[in-house]
Every structure is written in structure tokens, then in C-alpha cells.
Amino acid sequence: MVETPEPPPTLADPRALLVGYLDHSAAVILRKLDGLSERDLRRSVLPSGWTPLGMVKHLACTERFWIRYLFAGEDVDFSWPRTAEQEWFVAPAEPSADITAFFLAEHENCARLAAVTPLDGRAVRTTRRGGAEEHPTFAWILCHLLQNFARHAGHVDVGRELIDGVTGK
């Protein structure tokens, strides 16, 4: 496995840092799946039951929700996967290439929006945090996605090690 470089330590632009680390985490997640068999992509090695491919599906759904639905206000079709629990489930008939393509497409939507959106721009829809409904800033949403992706990259790293012993950053 080839390591995925982080953004350079001299980078000071907040947008470039946020997008750079989000891209880094997305690349790490996909790199961790590289070389796994279809069987291993779809099997869980942890009591919680998530699978590597299910994690990719979950992260694509997460990015779709926060970027397209909440921030941009798009009328996103939530008939698939229907519920938060089902976004982790990968049906036997779902091709892994389709889930990876979905992940990449949602990540590209985020990158396109990040290129033109002010960091202090406010979401069209509200989210409830701390009891109040608020329109989060684009910077907050990017930070939220970044911490989510980084945390789940660690989960995928542990899953990969349990599946076949492969480790790395």
C-alpha cells in the first residue's frame, strides 16, 4: 500500500487545509480497501457489524446529507438507503464498484462546492445542535465531515488489520 500524503505543513489557507485533509482521509479510506476480495469488502470482523464497503457507503451518504441536502438545499432522494441503519448495509446484489463510484461522486460534489463557497456561508437547511436549530456555516460542515472521515479512516484501518494483517497510515 502506498501511503497517502497529507497536505504540506506550510499550508496556512483554511479552505485548502480543510479540503486537503478531507481529500486525504477519503483517499486513505479507499486505499485501505484496495486489494481486499469481494468477500472481505462485505464481511465484518467487529462486533458492531460494519463492513469495509458499508463504511464507504455510510460516508458517501454522510457527505450527501451534509453537503447536498443540508447545505445546498437540494431535494435529495432518500429512498435509498431509506434509513440511517441501512446506509451501512450492502446488499449482495450491490456491486462494490457502484458503491465506490457513489462515494467518489459525493466527494466530488463536495469539492465543487468547496471551490466556490465562502467558509462563512450558511446552510439552506437547519440542524439541531444543543437544543437549538441553526444554519451551520460551510466551515463547520467541512470540519464536521473531516473529523467524521478521519475517525472512520481509523476504523477502516483497524478492520483491515483484523482482516488480513495489513497496516499503515
Protein backbone atom coordinates (compact mmCIF):
# COMPACT_ATOMS: atom_id res chain seq x y z
CA MET A 1 0.00 0.00 0.00
CA VAL A 2 1.36 3.40 -0.99
CA GLU A 3 0.95 5.99 1.75
CA THR A 4 -1.31 8.96 1.05
CA PRO A 5 0.49 12.25 1.78
CA GLU A 6 -1.09 14.86 3.99
CA PRO A 7 -1.30 18.48 2.86
CA PRO A 8 2.06 20.24 3.30
CA PRO A 9 2.82 21.54 6.81
CA THR A 10 3.42 25.04 5.43
CA LEU A 11 -0.17 25.32 4.18
CA ALA A 12 -2.00 28.12 6.01
CA ASP A 13 -5.11 28.70 3.92
CA PRO A 14 -8.08 27.40 5.96
CA ARG A 15 -10.09 26.26 2.92
CA ALA A 16 -7.12 24.43 1.42
CA LEU A 17 -6.39 22.77 4.78
CA LEU A 18 -9.98 21.62 5.31
CA VAL A 19 -10.43 20.34 1.76
CA GLY A 20 -6.91 18.91 1.69
CA TYR A 21 -7.40 16.87 4.84
CA LEU A 22 -10.88 15.77 3.74
CA ASP A 23 -9.38 14.58 0.45
CA HIS A 24 -6.56 12.90 2.36
CA SER A 25 -8.98 10.99 4.60
CA ALA A 26 -11.13 9.93 1.62
CA ALA A 27 -8.02 8.66 -0.19
CA VAL A 28 -6.87 6.78 2.92
CA ILE A 29 -10.23 5.04 3.22
CA LEU A 30 -10.22 3.92 -0.40
CA ARG A 31 -6.56 2.88 -0.16
CA LYS A 32 -7.38 0.69 2.84
CA LEU A 33 -9.92 -1.20 0.71
CA ASP A 34 -7.51 -1.69 -2.17
CA GLY A 35 -6.62 -5.35 -2.59
CA LEU A 36 -9.47 -6.74 -0.49
CA SER A 37 -11.51 -9.52 -2.05
CA GLU A 38 -15.26 -9.06 -2.61
CA ARG A 39 -15.81 -11.36 0.35
CA ASP A 40 -13.59 -9.26 2.63
CA LEU A 41 -15.13 -5.99 1.46
CA ARG A 42 -18.51 -7.31 2.60
CA ARG A 43 -17.66 -9.07 5.85
CA SER A 44 -17.42 -7.69 9.32
CA VAL A 45 -14.64 -8.56 11.73
CA LEU A 46 -16.02 -6.47 14.60
CA PRO A 47 -18.98 -6.97 16.96
CA SER A 48 -20.66 -3.77 15.71
CA GLY A 49 -21.15 -5.47 12.35
CA TRP A 50 -19.96 -2.79 9.92
CA THR A 51 -18.12 -3.88 6.79
CA PRO A 52 -15.44 -2.00 4.86
CA LEU A 53 -17.77 -1.48 1.90
CA GLY A 54 -20.59 -0.49 4.28
CA MET A 55 -18.30 2.18 5.74
CA VAL A 56 -17.73 3.65 2.27
CA LYS A 57 -21.49 3.67 1.64
CA HIS A 58 -22.11 5.34 5.01
CA LEU A 59 -19.53 8.05 4.32
CA ALA A 60 -20.99 8.76 0.88
CA CYS A 61 -24.45 9.09 2.45
CA THR A 62 -23.00 11.37 5.15
CA GLU A 63 -21.40 13.68 2.60
CA ARG A 64 -24.60 13.68 0.51
CA PHE A 65 -26.66 14.66 3.56
CA TRP A 66 -24.43 17.45 4.84
CA ILE A 67 -23.33 18.95 1.51
CA ARG A 68 -26.18 18.45 -0.91
CA TYR A 69 -29.23 18.20 1.33
CA LEU A 70 -28.46 20.37 4.34
CA PHE A 71 -26.04 22.97 2.95
CA ALA A 72 -27.12 23.32 -0.67
CA GLY A 73 -30.79 22.57 0.00
CA GLU A 74 -31.10 20.00 -2.81
CA ASP A 75 -34.09 17.69 -2.85
CA VAL A 76 -32.02 14.53 -2.42
CA ASP A 77 -33.71 11.19 -2.99
CA PHE A 78 -33.53 9.41 0.35
CA SER A 79 -35.47 6.35 -0.86
CA TRP A 80 -32.04 4.71 -0.98
CA PRO A 81 -30.86 3.73 1.52
CA ARG A 82 -34.07 4.89 3.32
CA THR A 83 -32.78 4.80 6.93
CA ALA A 84 -29.56 5.60 8.76
CA GLU A 85 -29.15 1.93 9.63
CA GLN A 86 -29.50 0.83 6.00
CA GLU A 87 -26.78 3.16 4.80
CA TRP A 88 -24.32 0.77 6.47
CA PHE A 89 -25.84 -2.32 4.81
CA VAL A 90 -24.53 -3.58 1.50
CA ALA A 91 -26.89 -5.95 -0.30
CA PRO A 92 -25.33 -8.92 -2.11
CA ALA A 93 -26.59 -7.52 -5.43
CA GLU A 94 -24.94 -4.10 -4.90
CA PRO A 95 -21.71 -4.02 -6.92
CA SER A 96 -18.74 -2.73 -4.93
CA ALA A 97 -17.76 -0.58 -7.93
CA ASP A 98 -21.14 1.20 -7.73
CA ILE A 99 -20.67 2.00 -4.05
CA THR A 100 -17.16 3.30 -4.68
CA ALA A 101 -18.47 5.39 -7.61
CA PHE A 102 -21.22 6.79 -5.34
CA PHE A 103 -18.57 7.70 -2.74
CA LEU A 104 -16.36 9.40 -5.34
CA ALA A 105 -19.31 11.29 -6.86
CA GLU A 106 -20.45 12.65 -3.50
CA HIS A 107 -16.88 13.63 -2.64
CA GLU A 108 -16.58 15.42 -5.99
CA ASN A 109 -19.84 17.31 -5.25
CA CYS A 110 -18.26 18.47 -2.00
CA ALA A 111 -15.05 19.56 -3.77
CA ARG A 112 -17.01 21.53 -6.40
CA LEU A 113 -18.99 23.34 -3.73
CA ALA A 114 -15.87 23.95 -1.61
CA ALA A 115 -14.16 25.66 -4.55
CA VAL A 116 -16.81 28.40 -4.78
CA THR A 117 -18.45 28.66 -1.36
CA PRO A 118 -17.38 31.17 1.30
CA LEU A 119 -16.42 29.42 4.52
CA ASP A 120 -18.84 31.66 6.41
CA GLY A 121 -21.70 30.74 4.03
CA ARG A 122 -24.73 29.36 5.85
CA ALA A 123 -26.62 26.15 5.12
CA VAL A 124 -30.04 26.43 3.49
CA ARG A 125 -31.48 23.94 5.98
CA THR A 126 -31.04 23.81 9.73
CA THR A 127 -29.56 21.24 12.03
CA ARG A 128 -30.35 20.79 15.70
CA ARG A 129 -27.32 21.05 17.96
CA GLY A 130 -27.53 21.72 21.67
CA GLY A 131 -31.31 22.05 21.52
CA ALA A 132 -31.39 24.90 19.00
CA GLU A 133 -31.95 24.80 15.27
CA GLU A 134 -29.13 26.52 13.44
CA HIS A 135 -27.90 27.07 9.88
CA PRO A 136 -24.30 25.82 10.16
CA THR A 137 -21.50 27.54 8.30
CA PHE A 138 -19.77 25.80 5.44
CA ALA A 139 -16.55 25.82 7.50
CA TRP A 140 -18.35 23.99 10.34
CA ILE A 141 -19.75 21.40 7.92
CA LEU A 142 -16.31 20.79 6.39
CA CYS A 143 -14.81 20.37 9.89
CA HIS A 144 -17.63 18.03 10.85
CA LEU A 145 -17.08 15.92 7.72
CA LEU A 146 -13.32 15.95 8.22
CA GLN A 147 -13.49 14.64 11.79
CA ASN A 148 -16.05 12.05 10.70
CA PHE A 149 -13.88 10.84 7.79
CA ALA A 150 -10.70 10.81 9.92
CA ARG A 151 -12.40 8.83 12.70
CA HIS A 152 -13.81 6.31 10.25
CA ALA A 153 -10.46 6.04 8.44
CA GLY A 154 -9.11 4.77 11.75
CA HIS A 155 -11.93 2.26 11.97
CA VAL A 156 -11.20 1.01 8.45
CA ASP A 157 -7.50 0.78 9.38
CA VAL A 158 -8.33 -1.50 12.33
CA GLY A 159 -10.76 -3.53 10.23
CA ARG A 160 -8.14 -4.05 7.54
CA GLU A 161 -5.58 -5.20 10.08
CA LEU A 162 -8.05 -7.72 11.50
CA ILE A 163 -8.97 -8.97 8.02
CA ASP A 164 -5.52 -9.62 6.62
CA GLY A 165 -2.89 -8.03 8.86
CA VAL A 166 -2.17 -5.10 6.55
CA THR A 167 -1.28 -1.95 8.47
CA GLY A 168 -0.13 1.54 7.59
CA LYS A 169 -1.01 5.18 7.92
